Amino acid sequence: MYSFKSKETVFVIIDLIGLVLSFVVSMGIRFLLLNEIFGNVSPSGTYRNNLALSLGVYFLYSIVRKYISIENLSNREIIDTTQQQTIFVLLISIITRVFPQVFMPSLSLMGVFYVISIAIISGLQILYRCYCVRRLSNSDKNTKLNRYTDTQHVYIIGAKSIGLYGGYETFLMNLLQQHSGNVHIKYHIANKANGQGSMELNKVPGTVSINDIEFNYYGVHCFMVSVPKWAGSAQAIFYDLKALKWVCDHIEKNHIPHPTVYILACRIGPFEGRYARSIRKAGGQLIQNPDGHENWRKKWSLPVRIYWKISERFAVRNADLIVCDSKRIEEYIQEEYDSYHPSTAYIPYGSDVAGATLKDDDPKYVNWLADHNLHDRKFIISVGRFVPENNHVLMIREFMKSDIDMDYAILTTENSALAAEIQQKLNYKSDPRIKFVGTVYDAELLAKIRENAAAYIHGHEVGGTNPSLLESMGKTNVNLLLDVEFNREVAENAALYWTKEAGSLAGLLNSLDSIDSEDYGKRAKQRMRHAYSWKSVADKYEEIFSI
């Protein structure tokens, strides 16, 4: 921990000095204006009473105000704490109404006083922070250097569960794999205990139960979080919030030094403030991944979309660092929230271009084909969660229009309601080529399926870089992508693109025989090696996790 720490009493002294200066300046401005208008005007004795009353009220207010170490605050956060001056001025305004004979400033004077006090106090606090940071740097260099050799505890919140399909879940699995031998990082991963997308311990190899809510996954500490069933679509908010509370309690109970808390998605922005302060009080940092445009997702109603936008704003404001997996998302964060001066880092997801470890005649693969009545290299796949914004309806409709002599294997999570809706709209069961084959948790088998698929169809349109796309680019030769900016950013000229216009995807499917699949496969793998190496991704995360 720190060998130097700022003193809370200095805050009060700084604020009192700032208030005296702002009071003198504002009263001076008023006195000069009165002289200009009315001639020679003497200062009233009530000014002294006003100053005494101001300092007295502020002293009482400062007693109940809580502080954290100023060296853990950014200059932006110091400026953002103007609510303390606001509350103070409101108190003075109330007293003015109650005791008008004692304190009789004009509204314009109160406004001037408020603005000047914010400027002076914020400036003095920033100067004090610079002093504290310098003292910390000079007196505690050895401690800070030793932190890189100590265990860095990293808490990750937001992925539903290990082994589940989804962008965050795929990222998480690969990050843990890359850091499996890293003795300097100790991961703590939140998992959903119930509801859609919950953790199923018996389906994921390598999990060992510790107690009712905790388990180990190849040495990684994981914990389960239950959500109320009645919450509906708000379950994600309860899940993240309860997970964040569990994390902060774990940090405090176990005296974890300089923790890193990484929140995936911006679902709980309005509620993060006090937890962010708790994390910083422990010498830690809060990192936020905004994902993509959550408020664009079709599954959300208008009020929910409005909430996501508000939540995103708070999340950006609360975070010490924003990690963006897409350059487009980073540009959006910097432009949309320019007033917060957010600190951002571009770290994409990664891709593995190595060949599958399973052979073509491996029983795992052969049995999987037989179970779903599929034939080697005679099937097309899509992989992703069964949600509206992944455009399963559109992809199935277009496949049914095509005359391609192959099967369409849809690897996805269970969503009986959406499946029933698609059946009602398209009657897809009448086409024997279309097959929902469930999920594949075995990474080796999934890699083999991707490698031997004739093509991969990608219909994701919301978000930044999608891990499922990266995995496919590293394994499948021909990738047919929905033409949106995020997919273009990833694949560039190493894939083929389709639009939502009728016949667009069907036309590509019908022309597969004329496509040089080997050429596209080489392009895709080269693109992944150049820009999306999992090792480089893991190295960048290790750098930002270490504080």
Protein backbone atom coordinates (compact mmCIF):
# COMPACT_ATOMS: atom_id res chain seq x y z
CA MET A 1 0.00 0.00 0.00
CA TYR A 2 0.98 3.65 -0.14
CA SER A 3 3.72 4.89 2.18
CA PHE A 4 2.41 8.41 1.56
CA LYS A 5 -1.24 9.39 1.65
CA SER A 6 -2.93 12.76 1.47
CA LYS A 7 -4.56 14.17 4.61
CA GLU A 8 -8.30 14.73 4.71
CA THR A 9 -7.87 17.85 6.82
CA VAL A 10 -5.95 19.49 4.00
CA PHE A 11 -9.12 19.32 1.90
CA VAL A 12 -10.97 21.41 4.47
CA ILE A 13 -8.12 23.92 4.71
CA ILE A 14 -7.96 24.21 0.91
CA ASP A 15 -11.71 24.71 0.69
CA LEU A 16 -11.74 27.31 3.46
CA ILE A 17 -8.91 29.25 1.81
CA GLY A 18 -10.72 29.00 -1.50
CA LEU A 19 -13.96 30.23 0.04
CA VAL A 20 -12.25 33.20 1.70
CA LEU A 21 -10.60 34.17 -1.59
CA SER A 22 -13.79 33.75 -3.60
CA PHE A 23 -15.77 35.68 -0.99
CA VAL A 24 -13.26 38.55 -1.05
CA VAL A 25 -13.19 38.61 -4.86
CA SER A 26 -16.98 38.46 -5.25
CA MET A 27 -17.55 41.12 -2.58
CA GLY A 28 -14.84 43.23 -4.19
CA ILE A 29 -16.59 42.97 -7.56
CA ARG A 30 -19.88 44.04 -5.96
CA PHE A 31 -18.21 46.93 -4.10
CA LEU A 32 -16.55 48.21 -7.31
CA LEU A 33 -19.83 48.04 -9.22
CA LEU A 34 -21.67 49.95 -6.49
CA ASN A 35 -18.97 52.63 -6.48
CA GLU A 36 -19.23 52.88 -10.26
CA ILE A 37 -23.00 53.35 -10.08
CA PHE A 38 -23.57 55.33 -6.86
CA GLY A 39 -20.25 56.98 -6.25
CA ASN A 40 -18.29 56.65 -3.00
CA VAL A 41 -19.85 53.68 -1.16
CA SER A 42 -18.31 52.27 2.02
CA PRO A 43 -18.26 48.51 2.66
CA SER A 44 -21.00 47.43 5.00
CA GLY A 45 -20.26 45.74 8.29
CA THR A 46 -22.57 42.96 7.23
CA TYR A 47 -19.84 41.72 4.86
CA ARG A 48 -17.87 40.50 7.87
CA ASN A 49 -20.98 38.77 9.19
CA ASN A 50 -21.53 37.20 5.78
CA LEU A 51 -18.00 35.83 5.69
CA ALA A 52 -18.23 34.46 9.23
CA LEU A 53 -21.55 32.82 8.50
CA SER A 54 -20.21 31.32 5.22
CA LEU A 55 -17.19 29.79 6.91
CA GLY A 56 -19.29 28.49 9.80
CA VAL A 57 -21.79 26.76 7.54
CA TYR A 58 -19.01 25.32 5.39
CA PHE A 59 -17.19 23.97 8.45
CA LEU A 60 -20.33 22.14 9.57
CA TYR A 61 -20.80 20.79 6.06
CA SER A 62 -17.18 19.62 5.83
CA ILE A 63 -17.62 17.47 8.96
CA VAL A 64 -20.15 15.21 7.24
CA ARG A 65 -18.38 15.14 3.89
CA LYS A 66 -16.30 12.06 3.04
CA TYR A 67 -13.01 12.16 1.19
CA ILE A 68 -10.77 9.67 -0.54
CA SER A 69 -7.07 10.00 -1.25
CA ILE A 70 -6.66 12.85 -3.68
CA GLU A 71 -3.74 11.07 -5.38
CA ASN A 72 -6.27 8.47 -6.58
CA LEU A 73 -8.42 11.15 -8.24
CA SER A 74 -7.91 12.50 -11.73
CA ASN A 75 -8.04 16.22 -12.42
CA ARG A 76 -11.34 15.60 -14.23
CA GLU A 77 -12.79 13.98 -11.12
CA ILE A 78 -11.69 16.89 -8.96
CA ILE A 79 -13.41 19.34 -11.26
CA ASP A 80 -16.48 17.09 -11.31
CA THR A 81 -16.81 17.36 -7.50
CA THR A 82 -18.38 20.81 -7.80
CA GLN A 83 -21.42 19.41 -6.06
CA GLN A 84 -19.76 20.27 -2.74
CA GLN A 85 -19.74 23.98 -3.63
CA THR A 86 -23.27 23.66 -5.02
CA ILE A 87 -24.56 22.19 -1.77
CA PHE A 88 -22.75 24.88 0.18
CA VAL A 89 -24.28 27.71 -1.86
CA LEU A 90 -27.71 26.13 -1.50
CA LEU A 91 -27.26 26.07 2.28
CA ILE A 92 -26.29 29.74 2.25
CA SER A 93 -29.31 30.51 0.07
CA ILE A 94 -31.64 28.77 2.54
CA ILE A 95 -30.15 30.66 5.48
CA THR A 96 -30.55 33.89 3.51
CA ARG A 97 -34.28 33.22 3.31
CA VAL A 98 -34.56 32.35 7.00
CA PHE A 99 -32.40 35.19 8.33
CA PRO A 100 -32.68 38.03 5.76
CA GLN A 101 -31.64 40.64 8.30
CA VAL A 102 -28.27 38.93 8.82
CA PHE A 103 -27.35 37.96 5.29
CA MET A 104 -28.64 40.03 2.38
CA PRO A 105 -26.67 39.32 -0.81
CA SER A 106 -28.25 39.65 -4.24
CA LEU A 107 -28.83 36.64 -6.49
CA SER A 108 -26.21 37.96 -8.89
CA LEU A 109 -23.68 38.10 -6.04
CA MET A 110 -24.47 34.50 -5.11
CA GLY A 111 -23.95 33.44 -8.74
CA VAL A 112 -20.60 35.23 -8.95
CA PHE A 113 -19.55 33.75 -5.60
CA TYR A 114 -20.51 30.25 -6.77
CA VAL A 115 -18.57 30.44 -10.05
CA ILE A 116 -15.47 31.95 -8.45
CA SER A 117 -15.46 29.41 -5.60
CA ILE A 118 -15.63 26.51 -8.07
CA ALA A 119 -12.70 27.91 -10.06
CA ILE A 120 -10.50 28.72 -7.07
CA ILE A 121 -11.22 25.59 -5.01
CA SER A 122 -10.87 23.23 -7.99
CA GLY A 123 -7.61 24.90 -8.94
CA LEU A 124 -6.19 24.61 -5.43
CA GLN A 125 -7.25 20.97 -5.17
CA ILE A 126 -5.56 20.15 -8.48
CA LEU A 127 -2.35 21.79 -7.27
CA TYR A 128 -2.55 19.75 -4.05
CA ARG A 129 -3.12 16.57 -6.05
CA CYS A 130 0.01 17.29 -8.13
CA TYR A 131 1.96 17.72 -4.92
CA CYS A 132 0.62 14.45 -3.48
CA VAL A 133 1.33 12.49 -6.65
CA ARG A 134 4.88 13.82 -6.68
CA ARG A 135 5.37 12.91 -3.01
CA LEU A 136 3.99 9.46 -3.68
CA SER A 137 6.32 9.00 -6.62
CA ASN A 138 9.41 10.11 -4.70
CA SER A 139 8.74 8.35 -1.39
CA ASP A 140 7.28 5.11 -2.64
CA LYS A 141 9.16 4.17 -5.81
CA ASN A 142 10.24 0.80 -4.48
CA THR A 143 6.69 -0.11 -3.46
CA LYS A 144 5.32 0.82 -6.86
CA LEU A 145 8.01 -1.17 -8.65
CA ASN A 146 7.39 -4.18 -6.46
CA ARG A 147 3.73 -4.19 -7.43
CA TYR A 148 4.65 -5.59 -10.82
CA THR A 149 6.22 -8.60 -9.17
CA ASP A 150 3.39 -9.10 -6.68
CA THR A 151 0.09 -10.79 -7.49
CA GLN A 152 -2.29 -8.50 -9.33
CA HIS A 153 -5.91 -9.34 -8.52
CA VAL A 154 -8.21 -8.80 -11.50
CA TYR A 155 -11.99 -9.01 -11.13
CA ILE A 156 -14.03 -9.37 -14.33
CA ILE A 157 -17.78 -8.68 -14.34
CA GLY A 158 -20.25 -8.83 -17.21
CA ALA A 159 -19.75 -12.15 -18.99
CA LYS A 160 -22.67 -14.44 -18.25
CA SER A 161 -20.70 -17.63 -17.70
CA ILE A 162 -17.61 -19.51 -18.73
CA GLY A 163 -18.20 -21.64 -21.81
CA LEU A 164 -21.28 -19.78 -23.06
CA TYR A 165 -21.53 -18.42 -26.60
CA GLY A 166 -21.19 -14.70 -26.80
CA GLY A 167 -18.58 -12.02 -27.42
CA TYR A 168 -17.53 -11.45 -23.84
CA GLU A 169 -17.60 -15.14 -23.00
CA THR A 170 -15.35 -16.03 -25.94
CA PHE A 171 -12.97 -13.21 -25.04
CA LEU A 172 -12.86 -14.38 -21.45
CA MET A 173 -12.03 -17.98 -22.32
CA ASN A 174 -9.17 -16.95 -24.58
CA LEU A 175 -7.78 -14.39 -22.13
CA LEU A 176 -7.72 -16.99 -19.35
CA GLN A 177 -6.05 -19.48 -21.67
CA GLN A 178 -3.33 -17.00 -22.65
CA HIS A 179 -2.67 -16.11 -18.99
CA SER A 180 -2.95 -19.66 -17.66
CA GLY A 181 0.75 -19.74 -16.73
CA ASN A 182 0.96 -16.14 -15.56
CA VAL A 183 1.77 -16.22 -11.83
CA HIS A 184 1.48 -12.43 -11.50
CA ILE A 185 -2.27 -12.22 -12.25
CA LYS A 186 -5.03 -13.76 -10.13
CA TYR A 187 -8.40 -13.70 -11.86
CA HIS A 188 -11.80 -13.60 -10.15
CA ILE A 189 -14.64 -14.15 -12.62
CA ALA A 190 -18.37 -13.53 -12.10
CA ASN A 191 -20.82 -16.14 -13.45
CA LYS A 192 -24.59 -16.12 -13.62
CA ALA A 193 -26.10 -18.73 -11.27
CA ASN A 194 -29.64 -18.86 -12.68
CA GLY A 195 -31.78 -17.64 -15.55
CA GLN A 196 -30.95 -17.48 -19.25
CA GLY A 197 -27.25 -17.94 -19.95
CA SER A 198 -26.50 -19.26 -16.47
CA MET A 199 -23.40 -21.29 -15.62
CA GLU A 200 -23.73 -25.06 -16.01
CA LEU A 201 -20.81 -26.56 -14.12
CA ASN A 202 -21.44 -30.10 -15.34
CA LYS A 203 -21.10 -29.01 -18.98
CA VAL A 204 -17.78 -27.19 -18.72
CA PRO A 205 -14.67 -29.35 -18.23
CA GLY A 206 -12.17 -28.18 -15.62
CA THR A 207 -14.58 -26.76 -13.05
CA VAL A 208 -14.17 -27.79 -9.40
CA SER A 209 -16.73 -26.62 -6.85
CA ILE A 210 -15.46 -24.83 -3.71
CA ASN A 211 -18.80 -24.07 -2.05
CA ASP A 212 -22.33 -23.14 -3.05
CA ILE A 213 -21.29 -19.99 -4.89
CA GLU A 214 -17.58 -20.40 -5.68
CA PHE A 215 -15.63 -22.76 -7.93
CA ASN A 216 -12.23 -23.11 -9.56
CA TYR A 217 -11.73 -23.28 -13.32
CA TYR A 218 -8.18 -24.44 -14.08
CA GLY A 219 -6.89 -22.35 -11.19
CA VAL A 220 -9.12 -19.33 -11.86
CA HIS A 221 -11.33 -18.26 -8.95
CA CYS A 222 -14.96 -17.98 -10.05
CA PHE A 223 -18.12 -17.02 -8.18
CA MET A 224 -21.82 -17.41 -8.94
CA VAL A 225 -24.37 -14.60 -8.74
CA SER A 226 -28.11 -15.28 -8.46
CA VAL A 227 -30.62 -12.93 -10.06
CA PRO A 228 -34.34 -12.46 -9.31
CA LYS A 229 -36.50 -14.34 -11.81
CA TRP A 230 -39.14 -11.61 -11.82
CA ALA A 231 -36.66 -9.03 -13.14
CA GLY A 232 -37.12 -10.05 -16.78
CA SER A 233 -34.83 -8.12 -19.12
CA ALA A 234 -33.46 -6.21 -16.12
CA GLN A 235 -31.77 -9.39 -14.85
CA ALA A 236 -28.54 -8.22 -16.46
CA ILE A 237 -28.57 -5.08 -14.30
CA PHE A 238 -29.16 -7.06 -11.11
CA TYR A 239 -26.46 -9.52 -12.16
CA ASP A 240 -23.78 -6.90 -12.75
CA LEU A 241 -24.72 -4.86 -9.68
CA LYS A 242 -24.71 -7.86 -7.33
CA ALA A 243 -21.44 -9.04 -8.85
CA LEU A 244 -19.84 -5.62 -8.32
CA LYS A 245 -21.00 -5.55 -4.71
CA TRP A 246 -19.59 -9.06 -4.18
CA VAL A 247 -16.28 -7.93 -5.67
CA CYS A 248 -16.00 -4.84 -3.46
CA ASP A 249 -16.89 -6.91 -0.36
CA HIS A 250 -14.27 -9.48 -1.34
CA ILE A 251 -11.63 -6.78 -1.80
CA GLU A 252 -12.41 -5.24 1.59
CA LYS A 253 -12.73 -8.52 3.48
CA ASN A 254 -9.50 -9.95 2.11
CA HIS A 255 -7.58 -6.66 2.14
CA ILE A 256 -6.75 -6.97 -1.56
CA PRO A 257 -4.20 -4.28 -2.49
CA HIS A 258 -4.44 -2.24 -5.73
CA PRO A 259 -7.19 -4.40 -7.35
CA THR A 260 -8.28 -4.03 -10.95
CA VAL A 261 -12.02 -4.32 -11.62
CA TYR A 262 -12.99 -4.77 -15.27
CA ILE A 263 -16.67 -4.32 -16.12
CA LEU A 264 -17.83 -5.63 -19.48
CA ALA A 265 -20.68 -3.53 -20.94
CA CYS A 266 -22.30 -0.39 -19.51
CA ARG A 267 -25.39 -1.78 -17.82
CA ILE A 268 -24.96 -0.31 -14.32
CA GLY A 269 -23.38 3.08 -14.95
CA PRO A 270 -25.76 5.09 -12.68
CA PHE A 271 -25.00 2.79 -9.73
CA GLU A 272 -21.22 2.47 -10.05
CA GLY A 273 -20.17 5.69 -8.32
CA ARG A 274 -19.84 4.53 -4.71
CA TYR A 275 -18.25 1.24 -5.77
CA ALA A 276 -15.74 3.12 -7.93
CA ARG A 277 -14.78 5.21 -4.91
CA SER A 278 -14.40 2.06 -2.81
CA ILE A 279 -12.12 0.51 -5.44
CA ARG A 280 -9.96 3.62 -5.63
CA LYS A 281 -9.80 3.79 -1.85
CA ALA A 282 -8.11 0.38 -1.97
CA GLY A 283 -5.60 1.82 -4.43
CA GLY A 284 -7.32 0.11 -7.36
CA GLN A 285 -8.72 1.07 -10.73
CA LEU A 286 -12.03 0.63 -12.52
CA ILE A 287 -11.84 -0.28 -16.20
CA GLN A 288 -14.92 -0.28 -18.40
CA ASN A 289 -15.62 -1.96 -21.74
CA PRO A 290 -18.55 -0.20 -23.46
CA ASP A 291 -19.07 -3.05 -25.95
CA GLY A 292 -20.96 -1.63 -28.93
CA HIS A 293 -24.11 0.40 -29.28
CA GLU A 294 -26.25 -1.42 -26.73
CA ASN A 295 -29.07 1.07 -27.23
CA TRP A 296 -29.32 -0.07 -30.86
CA ARG A 297 -30.30 -3.63 -30.02
CA LYS A 298 -33.68 -4.60 -31.39
CA LYS A 299 -34.63 -6.68 -28.37
CA TRP A 300 -34.88 -3.57 -26.16
CA SER A 301 -37.92 -1.32 -25.92
CA LEU A 302 -37.52 2.45 -26.28
CA PRO A 303 -37.41 3.15 -22.48
CA VAL A 304 -34.73 0.46 -22.06
CA ARG A 305 -32.69 1.91 -24.92
CA ILE A 306 -32.85 5.33 -23.29
CA TYR A 307 -31.64 3.78 -20.05
CA TRP A 308 -28.67 2.12 -21.84
CA LYS A 309 -27.64 5.47 -23.24
CA ILE A 310 -27.80 7.15 -19.83
CA SER A 311 -25.99 4.21 -18.26
CA GLU A 312 -23.23 4.43 -20.86
CA ARG A 313 -22.70 8.10 -20.01
CA PHE A 314 -22.33 7.37 -16.29
CA ALA A 315 -20.06 4.39 -16.94
CA VAL A 316 -17.69 6.51 -19.02
CA ARG A 317 -17.67 9.15 -16.32
CA ASN A 318 -16.98 6.65 -13.51
CA ALA A 319 -14.20 4.71 -15.21
CA ASP A 320 -10.48 5.26 -14.91
CA LEU A 321 -9.99 3.72 -18.33
CA ILE A 322 -12.29 2.79 -21.23
CA VAL A 323 -11.17 -0.24 -23.24
CA CYS A 324 -12.65 -0.34 -26.74
CA ASP A 325 -12.41 -3.46 -28.88
CA SER A 326 -13.16 -1.48 -32.04
CA LYS A 327 -11.54 1.66 -33.42
CA ARG A 328 -15.01 2.91 -34.41
CA ILE A 329 -16.22 2.53 -30.83
CA GLU A 330 -13.16 4.36 -29.49
CA GLU A 331 -13.82 7.25 -31.89
CA TYR A 332 -17.46 7.30 -30.77
CA ILE A 333 -16.54 7.41 -27.05
CA GLN A 334 -14.04 10.23 -27.57
CA GLU A 335 -16.47 12.30 -29.63
CA GLU A 336 -19.69 11.60 -27.71
CA TYR A 337 -18.19 12.16 -24.25
CA ASP A 338 -15.56 14.75 -25.07
CA SER A 339 -16.59 16.85 -22.06
CA TYR A 340 -15.40 14.06 -19.71
CA HIS A 341 -12.01 13.79 -21.44
CA PRO A 342 -12.16 9.99 -21.20
CA SER A 343 -8.99 7.94 -21.09
CA THR A 344 -9.35 5.21 -23.73
CA ALA A 345 -7.37 2.28 -25.05
CA TYR A 346 -7.97 0.24 -28.19
CA ILE A 347 -7.56 -3.48 -27.50
CA PRO A 348 -9.34 -5.78 -29.94
CA TYR A 349 -10.28 -9.38 -29.40
CA GLY A 350 -7.99 -12.04 -30.81
CA SER A 351 -8.05 -14.96 -33.19
CA ASP A 352 -6.25 -18.29 -33.35
CA VAL A 353 -5.14 -19.24 -36.88
CA ALA A 354 -3.55 -22.56 -35.96
CA GLY A 355 -5.12 -25.64 -37.51
CA ALA A 356 -7.60 -27.71 -35.51
CA THR A 357 -6.01 -30.38 -33.32
CA LEU A 358 -8.65 -33.00 -34.18
CA LYS A 359 -8.24 -35.13 -37.31
CA ASP A 360 -11.02 -35.56 -39.84
CA ASP A 361 -11.65 -39.08 -38.58
CA ASP A 362 -11.59 -38.22 -34.88
CA PRO A 363 -14.60 -39.82 -33.11
CA LYS A 364 -15.60 -36.49 -31.57
CA TYR A 365 -16.04 -34.88 -34.97
CA VAL A 366 -17.40 -37.95 -36.77
CA ASN A 367 -20.01 -38.55 -34.06
CA TRP A 368 -21.05 -34.90 -34.07
CA LEU A 369 -21.67 -35.08 -37.82
CA ALA A 370 -23.64 -38.29 -37.44
CA ASP A 371 -25.74 -36.93 -34.56
CA HIS A 372 -26.95 -34.06 -36.75
CA ASN A 373 -27.04 -35.89 -40.10
CA LEU A 374 -24.31 -33.70 -41.57
CA HIS A 375 -21.56 -34.56 -44.05
CA ASP A 376 -17.92 -33.49 -43.87
CA ARG A 377 -17.24 -30.20 -45.71
CA LYS A 378 -20.79 -30.16 -47.04
CA PHE A 379 -22.29 -27.78 -44.51
CA ILE A 380 -22.39 -24.06 -43.83
CA ILE A 381 -22.44 -22.70 -40.27
CA SER A 382 -23.31 -19.67 -38.22
CA VAL A 383 -22.25 -19.32 -34.58
CA GLY A 384 -23.70 -16.85 -32.10
CA ARG A 385 -26.36 -16.14 -29.53
CA PHE A 386 -29.95 -16.60 -30.62
CA VAL A 387 -30.97 -12.93 -30.38
CA PRO A 388 -32.72 -10.62 -32.90
CA GLU A 389 -29.72 -8.40 -33.70
CA ASN A 390 -27.79 -11.43 -34.99
CA ASN A 391 -30.35 -11.66 -37.82
CA HIS A 392 -31.11 -15.38 -37.73
CA VAL A 393 -34.50 -14.75 -39.38
CA LEU A 394 -32.89 -12.99 -42.33
CA MET A 395 -30.12 -15.58 -42.73
CA ILE A 396 -32.56 -18.51 -42.64
CA ARG A 397 -34.92 -16.81 -45.10
CA GLU A 398 -32.06 -16.18 -47.54
CA PHE A 399 -30.73 -19.72 -47.18
CA MET A 400 -34.18 -21.10 -47.94
CA LYS A 401 -34.23 -18.98 -51.11
CA SER A 402 -30.90 -20.39 -52.29
CA ASP A 403 -30.53 -23.62 -54.22
CA ILE A 404 -27.20 -24.61 -52.65
CA ASP A 405 -26.77 -28.34 -52.12
CA MET A 406 -25.47 -28.09 -48.55
CA ASP A 407 -26.85 -28.09 -45.03
CA TYR A 408 -27.06 -25.02 -42.82
CA ALA A 409 -25.90 -25.89 -39.27
CA ILE A 410 -26.90 -23.17 -36.81
CA LEU A 411 -24.80 -23.35 -33.63
CA THR A 412 -26.58 -21.22 -31.07
CA THR A 413 -28.02 -20.98 -27.59
CA GLU A 414 -31.54 -22.10 -26.83
CA ASN A 415 -34.32 -19.57 -27.31
CA SER A 416 -37.61 -21.41 -27.76
CA ALA A 417 -39.64 -18.21 -28.13
CA LEU A 418 -37.52 -16.89 -30.99
CA ALA A 419 -37.41 -20.34 -32.61
CA ALA A 420 -41.20 -20.52 -32.54
CA GLU A 421 -41.41 -17.04 -34.05
CA ILE A 422 -39.06 -18.02 -36.89
CA GLN A 423 -41.03 -21.20 -37.53
CA GLN A 424 -44.24 -19.19 -37.71
CA LYS A 425 -42.73 -16.65 -40.10
CA LEU A 426 -40.70 -18.95 -42.33
CA ASN A 427 -41.76 -22.55 -41.67
CA TYR A 428 -38.05 -23.40 -41.76
CA LYS A 429 -38.73 -26.98 -40.65
CA SER A 430 -40.04 -27.65 -44.14
CA ASP A 431 -36.46 -27.23 -45.45
CA PRO A 432 -34.42 -30.30 -44.38
CA ARG A 433 -31.16 -28.43 -45.02
CA ILE A 434 -31.70 -26.13 -42.03
CA LYS A 435 -30.62 -27.65 -38.74
CA PHE A 436 -30.39 -26.13 -35.27
CA VAL A 437 -27.56 -28.15 -33.73
CA GLY A 438 -27.37 -26.52 -30.30
CA THR A 439 -24.13 -25.49 -28.65
CA VAL A 440 -20.61 -26.96 -28.68
CA TYR A 441 -18.62 -26.28 -25.52
CA ASP A 442 -15.65 -28.40 -26.57
CA ALA A 443 -13.14 -25.89 -28.01
CA GLU A 444 -11.27 -28.52 -30.03
CA LEU A 445 -14.45 -29.83 -31.62
CA LEU A 446 -15.71 -26.32 -32.39
CA ALA A 447 -12.40 -25.48 -34.06
CA LYS A 448 -12.71 -28.59 -36.25
CA ILE A 449 -16.30 -27.71 -37.20
CA ARG A 450 -15.21 -24.21 -38.21
CA GLU A 451 -12.24 -25.52 -40.17
CA ASN A 452 -14.27 -28.01 -42.21
CA ALA A 453 -17.30 -25.78 -42.83
CA ALA A 454 -17.74 -24.77 -46.46
CA ALA A 455 -18.58 -21.22 -45.33
CA TYR A 456 -19.52 -19.16 -42.30
CA ILE A 457 -22.45 -16.72 -42.30
CA HIS A 458 -22.15 -13.77 -39.92
CA GLY A 459 -25.23 -11.62 -39.30
CA HIS A 460 -24.12 -9.61 -36.26
CA GLU A 461 -24.80 -5.90 -36.77
CA VAL A 462 -24.52 -4.32 -33.30
CA GLY A 463 -21.35 -3.87 -31.32
CA GLY A 464 -17.68 -3.65 -31.97
CA THR A 465 -15.35 -6.49 -32.86
CA ASN A 466 -17.15 -9.82 -32.52
CA PRO A 467 -15.03 -12.76 -31.27
CA SER A 468 -17.13 -15.28 -33.18
CA LEU A 469 -16.17 -13.52 -36.40
CA LEU A 470 -12.49 -13.49 -35.46
CA GLU A 471 -12.57 -17.20 -34.66
CA SER A 472 -14.17 -17.94 -38.00
CA MET A 473 -11.67 -15.77 -39.89
CA GLY A 474 -8.90 -17.81 -38.29
CA LYS A 475 -10.43 -21.18 -39.20
CA THR A 476 -13.01 -20.98 -42.01
CA ASN A 477 -11.89 -20.09 -45.53
CA VAL A 478 -15.02 -18.41 -46.83
CA ASN A 479 -16.75 -15.87 -44.59
CA LEU A 480 -20.00 -14.21 -45.65
CA LEU A 481 -20.53 -11.08 -43.53
CA LEU A 482 -23.35 -8.62 -43.10
CA ASP A 483 -22.04 -5.35 -44.54
CA VAL A 484 -21.73 -3.06 -41.50
CA GLU A 485 -18.77 -0.90 -40.46
CA PHE A 486 -17.70 -3.15 -37.58
CA ASN A 487 -17.43 -6.23 -39.79
CA ARG A 488 -15.63 -4.25 -42.52
CA GLU A 489 -13.12 -3.00 -39.96
CA VAL A 490 -12.26 -6.58 -38.99
CA ALA A 491 -12.20 -8.43 -42.31
CA GLU A 492 -11.37 -5.73 -44.87
CA ASN A 493 -10.89 -7.55 -48.22
CA ALA A 494 -10.58 -11.02 -46.71
CA ALA A 495 -14.33 -11.78 -46.73
CA LEU A 496 -17.44 -11.42 -48.86
CA TYR A 497 -20.27 -9.07 -47.87
CA TRP A 498 -24.05 -9.16 -48.13
CA THR A 499 -26.77 -6.66 -47.32
CA LYS A 500 -30.31 -6.90 -46.00
CA GLU A 501 -31.72 -6.54 -49.48
CA ALA A 502 -33.73 -9.54 -50.64
CA GLY A 503 -31.57 -12.01 -52.56
CA SER A 504 -28.21 -10.54 -51.49
CA LEU A 505 -27.12 -13.41 -49.25
CA ALA A 506 -28.90 -16.01 -51.37
CA GLY A 507 -26.88 -14.83 -54.38
CA LEU A 508 -23.61 -15.26 -52.51
CA LEU A 509 -24.60 -18.76 -51.41
CA ASN A 510 -25.46 -19.74 -54.97
CA SER A 511 -22.06 -18.51 -56.19
CA LEU A 512 -19.94 -20.41 -53.63
CA ASP A 513 -18.72 -22.93 -56.23
CA SER A 514 -17.10 -20.13 -58.23
CA ILE A 515 -15.28 -18.60 -55.24
CA ASP A 516 -11.58 -19.35 -54.71
CA SER A 517 -11.93 -20.54 -51.13
CA GLU A 518 -8.20 -21.18 -50.67
CA ASP A 519 -7.36 -17.61 -51.63
CA TYR A 520 -9.93 -16.15 -49.24
CA GLY A 521 -8.68 -18.50 -46.50
CA LYS A 522 -5.10 -17.22 -46.90
CA ARG A 523 -6.30 -13.61 -46.83
CA ALA A 524 -8.38 -14.18 -43.69
CA LYS A 525 -5.56 -15.85 -41.77
CA GLN A 526 -3.08 -13.18 -42.81
CA ARG A 527 -5.48 -10.49 -41.61
CA MET A 528 -5.84 -12.24 -38.24
CA ARG A 529 -2.08 -12.70 -37.80
CA HIS A 530 -1.46 -9.06 -38.61
CA ALA A 531 -4.12 -7.39 -36.43
CA TYR A 532 -5.74 -9.89 -34.07
CA SER A 533 -3.16 -12.06 -32.35
CA TRP A 534 -4.43 -13.39 -29.01
CA LYS A 535 -0.95 -13.15 -27.54
CA SER A 536 -0.66 -9.45 -28.33
CA VAL A 537 -4.17 -8.90 -26.95
CA ALA A 538 -3.30 -10.71 -23.70
CA ASP A 539 -0.05 -8.74 -23.39
CA LYS A 540 -1.92 -5.45 -23.72
CA TYR A 541 -4.39 -6.51 -21.05
CA GLU A 542 -1.60 -7.51 -18.71
CA GLU A 543 -0.14 -4.04 -19.15
CA ILE A 544 -3.35 -2.16 -18.31
CA PHE A 545 -4.29 -4.54 -15.47
CA SER A 546 -1.01 -3.90 -13.64
CA ILE A 547 -1.08 -0.76 -11.49
